[in-house]
Protein backbone atom coordinates (compact mmCIF):
# COMPACT_ATOMS: atom_id res chain seq x y z
CA MET A 1 -8.32 -10.68 8.30
CA GLY A 2 -6.00 -9.89 5.56
CA GLY A 3 -2.32 -9.62 5.98
CA VAL A 4 1.78 -9.94 4.35
CA ALA A 5 2.18 -13.86 4.32
CA PRO A 6 5.46 -15.09 7.12
CA SER A 7 7.22 -15.48 3.52
CA PRO A 8 6.02 -14.15 0.15
CA PRO A 9 7.29 -15.83 -3.25
CA CYS A 10 9.96 -13.28 -4.90
CA PRO A 11 8.86 -12.28 -8.34
CA PHE A 12 11.22 -12.53 -10.11
CA CYS A 13 13.17 -15.48 -9.48
CA ASN A 14 10.08 -17.45 -7.66
CA GLY A 15 12.45 -17.68 -4.99
CA ARG A 16 10.98 -18.82 -1.17
CA ARG A 17 13.84 -17.53 1.05
CA THR A 18 13.46 -14.03 1.62
CA GLU A 19 13.09 -12.02 4.19
CA LEU A 20 11.22 -8.62 5.66
CA ALA A 21 13.98 -5.65 4.91
CA SER A 22 11.51 -2.80 6.32
CA THR A 23 7.90 -3.11 7.60
CA PHE A 24 6.56 -0.15 5.40
CA GLY A 25 8.29 0.36 1.76
CA SER A 26 7.22 3.41 -0.32
CA HIS A 27 3.91 3.46 0.59
CA ALA A 28 2.59 3.08 3.80
CA SER A 29 0.96 0.53 2.30
CA LEU A 30 3.92 -1.42 0.97
CA SER A 31 6.89 -4.22 2.68
CA THR A 32 9.52 -4.32 1.17
CA TRP A 33 11.36 -7.68 0.89
CA TRP A 34 14.56 -8.83 0.19
CA CYS A 35 15.08 -12.12 -1.80
CA ALA A 36 18.17 -14.20 -0.69
CA GLU A 37 18.17 -16.39 -3.96
CA CYS A 38 18.59 -13.47 -6.29
CA ARG A 39 18.87 -10.88 -4.24
CA SER A 40 16.41 -8.55 -5.16
CA PRO A 41 14.31 -6.17 -3.15
CA PHE A 42 10.11 -6.16 -3.86
CA GLU A 43 7.15 -4.79 -1.83
CA VAL A 44 4.09 -6.53 -1.13
CA LEU A 45 0.75 -4.46 -0.23
CA ARG A 46 0.58 -5.06 3.81
CA TRP A 47 -2.71 -6.59 3.59
CA GLN A 48 -3.85 -7.92 0.61
CA GLU A 49 -5.21 -11.36 1.28
CA THR A 50 -3.34 -13.38 -1.11
CA THR A 51 0.59 -12.11 -0.96
CA SER A 52 1.30 -10.77 -4.24
CA PRO A 53 3.80 -8.04 -5.50
CA VAL A 54 3.20 -5.02 -6.79
CA ASP A 55 3.90 -4.34 -10.17
CA PRO A 56 3.25 -1.56 -12.09
CA GLY A 57 3.11 -2.17 -15.19
CA GLN A 58 -0.40 -4.41 -14.74
CA PRO A 59 -3.42 -3.12 -15.61
CA SER A 60 -5.40 -2.85 -12.72
CA ASN A 61 -8.85 -5.02 -12.46
CA LYS A 62 -11.72 -2.65 -10.85
CA SER A 63 -14.64 -3.03 -13.00
CA THR A 64 -16.36 0.22 -14.23
CA SER A 65 -20.34 0.38 -14.14
CA ALA A 66 -21.75 2.74 -16.46
């Protein structure tokens, strides 16, 4: 089963001192985390198997079949 890791790394500084700021972020599927090292907030998908912050600038990995 998926879920957010107890402490995901910060996407900005790769710091490990992060804490959950809010169970729900800008969407119900996101949680908001706070990095104590660079003092930046970031969002993580709540049910994602591997913890990776949301980056809207990255292209989707979905493939389309014709």
